[in-house]
C-alpha cells in the first residue's frame, strides 16, 4: 500500500499544490474531496490519467517514477509470474 498511498495521497496533491500555488495541506484537502466526489464506485476514481486531466496536470509517468522505490513485491509474485509464463491459454481452457 505504500506506493499507492504515496502516489494518490502525497504525490498528486503535491503536484496540485505546486500548480495552483497552495500549501500542501490545502491542496490535499481539495484533492481528497474531489476523489470523494467521484467515488470509488466509478472507474475514473482508479484512473491516474483522468485525475491528471481533471486537475490540469501533466506527466503521470513522472509521478509514478518518482515513487518507484516504494513498490514492493509479495514473496509469492515471482513464482506466480514464472508459472503463468509457462502456461498457455489452452491450459486455462482445460
N, C-alpha and C. Protein backbone atom coordinates (compact mmCIF):
# COMPACT_ATOMS: atom_id res chain seq x y z
N UNK A 1 0.81 -1.21 0.00
CA UNK A 1 0.00 0.00 0.00
C UNK A 1 0.85 1.27 0.00
N UNK A 2 2.09 1.17 0.39
CA UNK A 2 2.92 2.37 0.48
C UNK A 2 2.99 3.11 -0.85
N UNK A 3 3.26 2.39 -1.94
CA UNK A 3 3.36 3.03 -3.25
C UNK A 3 2.05 3.74 -3.60
N UNK A 4 0.95 3.05 -3.44
CA UNK A 4 -0.35 3.63 -3.75
C UNK A 4 -0.64 4.85 -2.88
N UNK A 5 -0.39 4.74 -1.60
CA UNK A 5 -0.60 5.87 -0.69
C UNK A 5 0.24 7.07 -1.09
N UNK A 6 1.49 6.81 -1.42
CA UNK A 6 2.40 7.90 -1.81
C UNK A 6 1.92 8.60 -3.08
N UNK A 7 1.53 7.82 -4.09
CA UNK A 7 1.10 8.40 -5.36
C UNK A 7 -0.17 9.22 -5.18
N UNK A 8 -1.21 8.60 -4.59
CA UNK A 8 -2.52 9.23 -4.52
C UNK A 8 -2.65 10.29 -3.43
N UNK A 9 -2.01 10.08 -2.29
CA UNK A 9 -2.23 10.97 -1.14
C UNK A 9 -1.07 11.91 -0.85
N UNK A 10 0.02 11.73 -1.56
CA UNK A 10 1.15 12.64 -1.41
C UNK A 10 1.54 13.28 -2.74
N UNK A 11 1.85 12.43 -3.71
CA UNK A 11 2.36 12.93 -4.99
C UNK A 11 1.37 13.79 -5.76
N UNK A 12 0.18 13.28 -5.96
CA UNK A 12 -0.83 14.04 -6.72
C UNK A 12 -1.21 15.34 -6.01
N UNK A 13 -1.46 15.32 -4.70
CA UNK A 13 -1.73 16.59 -4.03
C UNK A 13 -0.54 17.56 -4.08
N UNK A 14 0.68 17.03 -4.03
CA UNK A 14 1.86 17.91 -4.09
C UNK A 14 1.95 18.60 -5.46
N UNK A 15 1.69 17.85 -6.52
CA UNK A 15 1.69 18.46 -7.85
C UNK A 15 0.58 19.50 -7.98
N UNK A 16 -0.58 19.20 -7.41
CA UNK A 16 -1.70 20.14 -7.42
C UNK A 16 -1.30 21.42 -6.67
N UNK A 17 -0.66 21.25 -5.52
CA UNK A 17 -0.22 22.39 -4.72
C UNK A 17 0.76 23.26 -5.50
N UNK A 18 1.69 22.61 -6.19
CA UNK A 18 2.68 23.37 -6.97
C UNK A 18 2.02 24.13 -8.11
N UNK A 19 1.12 23.47 -8.82
CA UNK A 19 0.48 24.11 -9.97
C UNK A 19 -0.37 25.31 -9.56
N UNK A 20 -1.13 25.16 -8.47
CA UNK A 20 -2.06 26.20 -8.07
C UNK A 20 -1.56 27.05 -6.91
N UNK A 21 -0.28 26.87 -6.59
CA UNK A 21 0.40 27.69 -5.55
C UNK A 21 -0.35 27.68 -4.23
N UNK A 22 -0.63 26.46 -3.76
CA UNK A 22 -1.30 26.25 -2.48
C UNK A 22 -0.34 25.56 -1.54
N UNK A 23 -0.60 25.65 -0.24
CA UNK A 23 0.21 24.83 0.65
C UNK A 23 -0.29 23.39 0.54
N UNK A 24 0.57 22.46 0.92
CA UNK A 24 0.27 21.06 0.70
C UNK A 24 -1.02 20.62 1.39
N UNK A 25 -1.25 21.05 2.62
CA UNK A 25 -2.44 20.59 3.35
C UNK A 25 -3.73 21.06 2.67
N UNK A 26 -3.75 22.26 2.15
CA UNK A 26 -4.93 22.76 1.44
C UNK A 26 -5.13 21.99 0.13
N UNK A 27 -4.05 21.77 -0.59
CA UNK A 27 -4.15 21.02 -1.85
C UNK A 27 -4.62 19.60 -1.59
N UNK A 28 -4.09 18.97 -0.56
CA UNK A 28 -4.50 17.60 -0.24
C UNK A 28 -5.98 17.55 0.10
N UNK A 29 -6.46 18.52 0.84
CA UNK A 29 -7.88 18.58 1.20
C UNK A 29 -8.73 18.66 -0.07
N UNK A 30 -8.36 19.51 -0.99
CA UNK A 30 -9.10 19.68 -2.25
C UNK A 30 -9.08 18.39 -3.06
N UNK A 31 -7.91 17.81 -3.20
CA UNK A 31 -7.77 16.59 -4.00
C UNK A 31 -8.59 15.45 -3.40
N UNK A 32 -8.50 15.26 -2.09
CA UNK A 32 -9.26 14.19 -1.44
C UNK A 32 -10.77 14.42 -1.56
N UNK A 33 -11.20 15.68 -1.49
CA UNK A 33 -12.62 15.99 -1.69
C UNK A 33 -13.07 15.64 -3.11
N UNK A 34 -12.20 15.89 -4.08
CA UNK A 34 -12.52 15.54 -5.46
C UNK A 34 -12.59 14.02 -5.64
N UNK A 35 -11.65 13.31 -5.02
CA UNK A 35 -11.72 11.84 -5.06
C UNK A 35 -13.08 11.39 -4.53
N UNK A 36 -13.48 11.93 -3.39
CA UNK A 36 -14.75 11.54 -2.76
C UNK A 36 -15.95 11.91 -3.63
N UNK A 37 -15.85 13.03 -4.30
CA UNK A 37 -16.95 13.48 -5.16
C UNK A 37 -17.19 12.47 -6.31
N UNK A 38 -16.12 11.94 -6.88
CA UNK A 38 -16.25 10.95 -7.95
C UNK A 38 -16.67 9.60 -7.36
N UNK A 39 -16.03 9.21 -6.28
CA UNK A 39 -16.38 7.96 -5.60
C UNK A 39 -15.74 6.73 -6.20
N UNK A 40 -15.39 5.79 -5.34
CA UNK A 40 -14.67 4.60 -5.78
C UNK A 40 -15.54 3.59 -6.53
N UNK A 41 -16.82 3.89 -6.68
CA UNK A 41 -17.68 3.00 -7.48
C UNK A 41 -17.60 3.34 -8.97
N UNK A 42 -16.91 4.41 -9.31
CA UNK A 42 -16.73 4.81 -10.71
C UNK A 42 -15.31 4.49 -11.16
N UNK A 43 -15.17 4.02 -12.38
CA UNK A 43 -13.88 3.61 -12.92
C UNK A 43 -12.88 4.78 -12.95
N UNK A 44 -13.37 5.99 -13.12
CA UNK A 44 -12.48 7.16 -13.16
C UNK A 44 -11.68 7.32 -11.88
N UNK A 45 -12.24 6.90 -10.78
CA UNK A 45 -11.58 7.03 -9.47
C UNK A 45 -10.22 6.35 -9.47
N UNK A 46 -10.08 5.29 -10.26
CA UNK A 46 -8.86 4.49 -10.31
C UNK A 46 -7.92 4.88 -11.45
N UNK A 47 -8.28 5.87 -12.24
CA UNK A 47 -7.57 6.22 -13.47
C UNK A 47 -6.70 7.46 -13.24
N UNK A 48 -5.40 7.25 -13.11
CA UNK A 48 -4.48 8.35 -12.84
C UNK A 48 -4.52 9.41 -13.95
N UNK A 49 -4.61 8.97 -15.19
CA UNK A 49 -4.67 9.93 -16.29
C UNK A 49 -5.93 10.81 -16.21
N UNK A 50 -7.03 10.23 -15.78
CA UNK A 50 -8.26 11.01 -15.58
C UNK A 50 -8.00 12.15 -14.59
N UNK A 51 -7.35 11.84 -13.48
CA UNK A 51 -7.10 12.86 -12.45
C UNK A 51 -6.12 13.91 -12.94
N UNK A 52 -5.12 13.51 -13.70
CA UNK A 52 -4.19 14.49 -14.24
C UNK A 52 -4.92 15.46 -15.16
N UNK A 53 -5.81 14.95 -16.00
CA UNK A 53 -6.59 15.84 -16.87
C UNK A 53 -7.53 16.71 -16.04
N UNK A 54 -8.20 16.13 -15.08
CA UNK A 54 -9.16 16.87 -14.26
C UNK A 54 -8.48 18.02 -13.51
N UNK A 55 -7.26 17.78 -13.03
CA UNK A 55 -6.55 18.79 -12.26
C UNK A 55 -5.64 19.66 -13.11
N UNK A 56 -5.61 19.42 -14.43
CA UNK A 56 -4.78 20.23 -15.31
C UNK A 56 -3.29 19.98 -15.13
N UNK A 57 -2.93 18.75 -14.81
CA UNK A 57 -1.54 18.39 -14.58
C UNK A 57 -1.00 17.62 -15.78
N UNK A 58 0.31 17.47 -15.83
CA UNK A 58 0.92 16.69 -16.91
C UNK A 58 1.93 15.70 -16.33
N UNK A 59 2.24 14.70 -17.12
CA UNK A 59 3.27 13.72 -16.82
C UNK A 59 2.94 12.75 -15.68
N UNK A 60 1.88 11.97 -15.81
CA UNK A 60 1.60 10.96 -14.78
C UNK A 60 2.71 9.93 -14.66
N UNK A 61 3.42 9.66 -15.76
CA UNK A 61 4.52 8.70 -15.71
C UNK A 61 5.63 9.20 -14.78
N UNK A 62 5.86 10.50 -14.78
CA UNK A 62 6.87 11.08 -13.90
C UNK A 62 6.51 10.90 -12.43
N UNK A 63 5.23 11.04 -12.13
CA UNK A 63 4.78 10.83 -10.75
C UNK A 63 5.01 9.38 -10.34
N UNK A 64 4.64 8.45 -11.20
CA UNK A 64 4.84 7.03 -10.88
C UNK A 64 6.32 6.72 -10.71
N UNK A 65 7.13 7.28 -11.57
CA UNK A 65 8.58 7.06 -11.48
C UNK A 65 9.16 7.62 -10.19
N UNK A 66 8.64 8.75 -9.74
CA UNK A 66 9.14 9.37 -8.52
C UNK A 66 8.96 8.48 -7.29
N UNK A 67 7.95 7.64 -7.32
CA UNK A 67 7.65 6.78 -6.17
C UNK A 67 7.98 5.31 -6.44
N UNK A 68 8.70 5.06 -7.50
CA UNK A 68 9.05 3.70 -7.88
C UNK A 68 9.73 2.93 -6.75
N UNK A 69 10.54 3.59 -5.98
CA UNK A 69 11.28 2.96 -4.90
C UNK A 69 10.39 2.41 -3.79
N UNK A 70 9.13 2.77 -3.79
CA UNK A 70 8.20 2.29 -2.76
C UNK A 70 7.43 1.03 -3.18
N UNK A 71 7.66 0.56 -4.41
CA UNK A 71 7.00 -0.66 -4.86
C UNK A 71 7.65 -1.85 -4.19
N UNK A 72 6.82 -2.71 -3.63
CA UNK A 72 7.30 -3.94 -3.01
C UNK A 72 6.49 -5.11 -3.54
N UNK A 73 7.18 -6.16 -3.88
CA UNK A 73 6.51 -7.37 -4.36
C UNK A 73 6.23 -8.30 -3.20
N UNK A 74 5.10 -8.96 -3.27
CA UNK A 74 4.84 -10.04 -2.32
C UNK A 74 5.79 -11.19 -2.67
N UNK A 75 6.19 -11.96 -1.69
CA UNK A 75 7.18 -13.01 -1.89
C UNK A 75 6.74 -14.05 -2.93
N UNK A 76 5.47 -14.26 -3.10
CA UNK A 76 4.97 -15.29 -4.00
C UNK A 76 4.79 -14.81 -5.45
N UNK A 77 4.98 -13.52 -5.71
CA UNK A 77 4.69 -12.98 -7.04
C UNK A 77 5.57 -13.57 -8.13
N UNK A 78 6.87 -13.65 -7.90
CA UNK A 78 7.80 -14.14 -8.93
C UNK A 78 7.45 -15.57 -9.32
N UNK A 79 7.15 -16.42 -8.34
CA UNK A 79 6.77 -17.80 -8.64
C UNK A 79 5.50 -17.86 -9.49
N UNK A 80 4.54 -17.01 -9.19
CA UNK A 80 3.30 -16.96 -9.98
C UNK A 80 3.57 -16.50 -11.39
N UNK A 81 4.38 -15.48 -11.54
CA UNK A 81 4.70 -14.99 -12.88
C UNK A 81 5.41 -16.06 -13.69
N UNK A 82 6.34 -16.77 -13.05
CA UNK A 82 7.03 -17.87 -13.74
C UNK A 82 6.04 -18.94 -14.18
N UNK A 83 5.12 -19.30 -13.29
CA UNK A 83 4.12 -20.32 -13.62
C UNK A 83 3.21 -19.86 -14.75
N UNK A 84 2.77 -18.61 -14.70
CA UNK A 84 1.89 -18.09 -15.75
C UNK A 84 2.61 -17.99 -17.09
N UNK A 85 3.88 -17.65 -17.07
CA UNK A 85 4.61 -17.50 -18.33
C UNK A 85 4.81 -18.85 -19.01
N UNK A 86 4.78 -19.92 -18.23
CA UNK A 86 4.95 -21.26 -18.79
C UNK A 86 3.61 -21.87 -19.20
N UNK A 87 2.53 -21.16 -18.97
CA UNK A 87 1.18 -21.65 -19.24
C UNK A 87 0.63 -20.99 -20.49
N UNK A 88 -0.07 -21.76 -21.28
CA UNK A 88 -0.72 -21.20 -22.46
C UNK A 88 -2.21 -21.05 -22.20
N UNK A 89 -2.88 -20.36 -23.06
CA UNK A 89 -4.32 -20.18 -22.94
C UNK A 89 -5.05 -21.53 -22.98
N UNK A 90 -4.48 -22.46 -23.70
CA UNK A 90 -5.09 -23.80 -23.78
C UNK A 90 -5.08 -24.49 -22.42
N UNK A 91 -4.06 -24.24 -21.62
CA UNK A 91 -4.01 -24.82 -20.28
C UNK A 91 -5.15 -24.28 -19.42
N UNK A 92 -5.52 -23.04 -19.59
CA UNK A 92 -6.61 -22.45 -18.82
C UNK A 92 -7.98 -22.99 -19.25
N UNK A 93 -8.08 -23.41 -20.51
CA UNK A 93 -9.35 -23.89 -21.03
C UNK A 93 -9.64 -25.34 -20.68
N UNK A 94 -8.67 -26.03 -20.15
CA UNK A 94 -8.85 -27.44 -19.79
C UNK A 94 -9.72 -27.59 -18.57
